[in-house]
Amino acid sequence: MEKAMFQSYGIGYAEYNRDLDNRMKVEQERDKDHQQSLKMVNEHNRQLQYSI
């Protein structure tokens, strides 16, 4: 988990827990990634509906 956190957000889990500003930045980035994923899924589902 530590390696994945560092690769994705550039900070380790200990630093994430220690600093509220870093935690907020990571959570905002995670939310942004989640919203982009939802858009991709919705677009994919919409394209599937039209191709059927």
C-alpha atoms as a PDB file:
ATOM      1  CA  MET A   1       0.000   0.000   0.000  1.00  0.00           C
ATOM      2  CA  GLU A   2       2.874   2.339   0.795  1.00  0.00           C
ATOM      3  CA  LYS A   3       4.401   1.861  -2.651  1.00  0.00           C
ATOM      4  CA  ALA A   4       1.081   2.431  -4.422  1.00  0.00           C
ATOM      5  CA  MET A   5       0.430   5.586  -2.383  1.00  0.00           C
ATOM      6  CA  PHE A   6       3.854   6.946  -3.230  1.00  0.00           C
ATOM      7  CA  GLN A   7       3.541   6.088  -6.933  1.00  0.00           C
ATOM      8  CA  SER A   8       0.070   7.597  -7.240  1.00  0.00           C
ATOM      9  CA  TYR A   9       0.391  10.717  -5.114  1.00  0.00           C
ATOM     10  CA  GLY A  10       4.081  11.238  -4.472  1.00  0.00           C
ATOM     11  CA  ILE A  11       3.886  10.883  -0.692  1.00  0.00           C
ATOM     12  CA  GLY A  12       4.051   7.984   1.699  1.00  0.00           C
ATOM     13  CA  TYR A  13       1.297   6.877   4.035  1.00  0.00           C
ATOM     14  CA  ALA A  14       3.065   8.212   7.155  1.00  0.00           C
ATOM     15  CA  GLU A  15       3.348  11.683   5.622  1.00  0.00           C
ATOM     16  CA  TYR A  16      -0.286  11.449   4.486  1.00  0.00           C
ATOM     17  CA  ASN A  17      -1.371  10.773   8.075  1.00  0.00           C
ATOM     18  CA  ARG A  18       0.887  13.406   9.604  1.00  0.00           C
ATOM     19  CA  ASP A  19      -0.005  16.449   7.497  1.00  0.00           C
ATOM     20  CA  LEU A  20      -3.616  17.578   7.022  1.00  0.00           C
ATOM     21  CA  ASP A  21      -2.755  19.725   3.985  1.00  0.00           C
ATOM     22  CA  ASN A  22      -1.199  16.738   2.210  1.00  0.00           C
ATOM     23  CA  ARG A  23      -4.161  14.588   3.168  1.00  0.00           C
ATOM     24  CA  MET A  24      -6.578  17.123   1.689  1.00  0.00           C
ATOM     25  CA  LYS A  25      -4.566  17.317  -1.552  1.00  0.00           C
ATOM     26  CA  VAL A  26      -4.531  13.529  -1.877  1.00  0.00           C
ATOM     27  CA  GLU A  27      -8.249  13.256  -1.166  1.00  0.00           C
ATOM     28  CA  GLN A  28      -9.029  15.957  -3.729  1.00  0.00           C
ATOM     29  CA  GLU A  29      -6.922  14.116  -6.293  1.00  0.00           C
ATOM     30  CA  ARG A  30      -8.644  10.839  -5.444  1.00  0.00           C
ATOM     31  CA  ASP A  31     -12.034  12.485  -5.851  1.00  0.00           C
ATOM     32  CA  LYS A  32     -10.993  13.936  -9.205  1.00  0.00           C
ATOM     33  CA  ASP A  33      -9.780  10.499 -10.354  1.00  0.00           C
ATOM     34  CA  HIS A  34     -13.048   8.949  -9.209  1.00  0.00           C
ATOM     35  CA  GLN A  35     -15.137  11.514 -11.101  1.00  0.00           C
ATOM     36  CA  GLN A  36     -13.094  10.925 -14.269  1.00  0.00           C
ATOM     37  CA  SER A  37     -13.609   7.174 -13.899  1.00  0.00           C
ATOM     38  CA  LEU A  38     -17.362   7.648 -13.550  1.00  0.00           C
ATOM     39  CA  LYS A  39     -17.412   9.780 -16.689  1.00  0.00           C
ATOM     40  CA  MET A  40     -15.507   7.111 -18.610  1.00  0.00           C
ATOM     41  CA  VAL A  41     -17.875   4.372 -17.453  1.00  0.00           C
ATOM     42  CA  ASN A  42     -20.932   6.446 -18.328  1.00  0.00           C
ATOM     43  CA  GLU A  43     -19.523   7.232 -21.768  1.00  0.00           C
ATOM     44  CA  HIS A  44     -18.710   3.578 -22.359  1.00  0.00           C
ATOM     45  CA  ASN A  45     -22.197   2.499 -21.270  1.00  0.00           C
ATOM     46  CA  ARG A  46     -23.775   5.119 -23.508  1.00  0.00           C
ATOM     47  CA  GLN A  47     -21.756   3.923 -26.499  1.00  0.00           C
ATOM     48  CA  LEU A  48     -22.785   0.333 -25.805  1.00  0.00           C
ATOM     49  CA  GLN A  49     -26.457   1.286 -25.764  1.00  0.00           C
ATOM     50  CA  TYR A  50     -26.190   2.912 -29.193  1.00  0.00           C
ATOM     51  CA  SER A  51     -24.314   0.007 -30.723  1.00  0.00           C
ATOM     52  CA  ILE A  52     -26.871  -2.599 -29.727  1.00  0.00           C
END
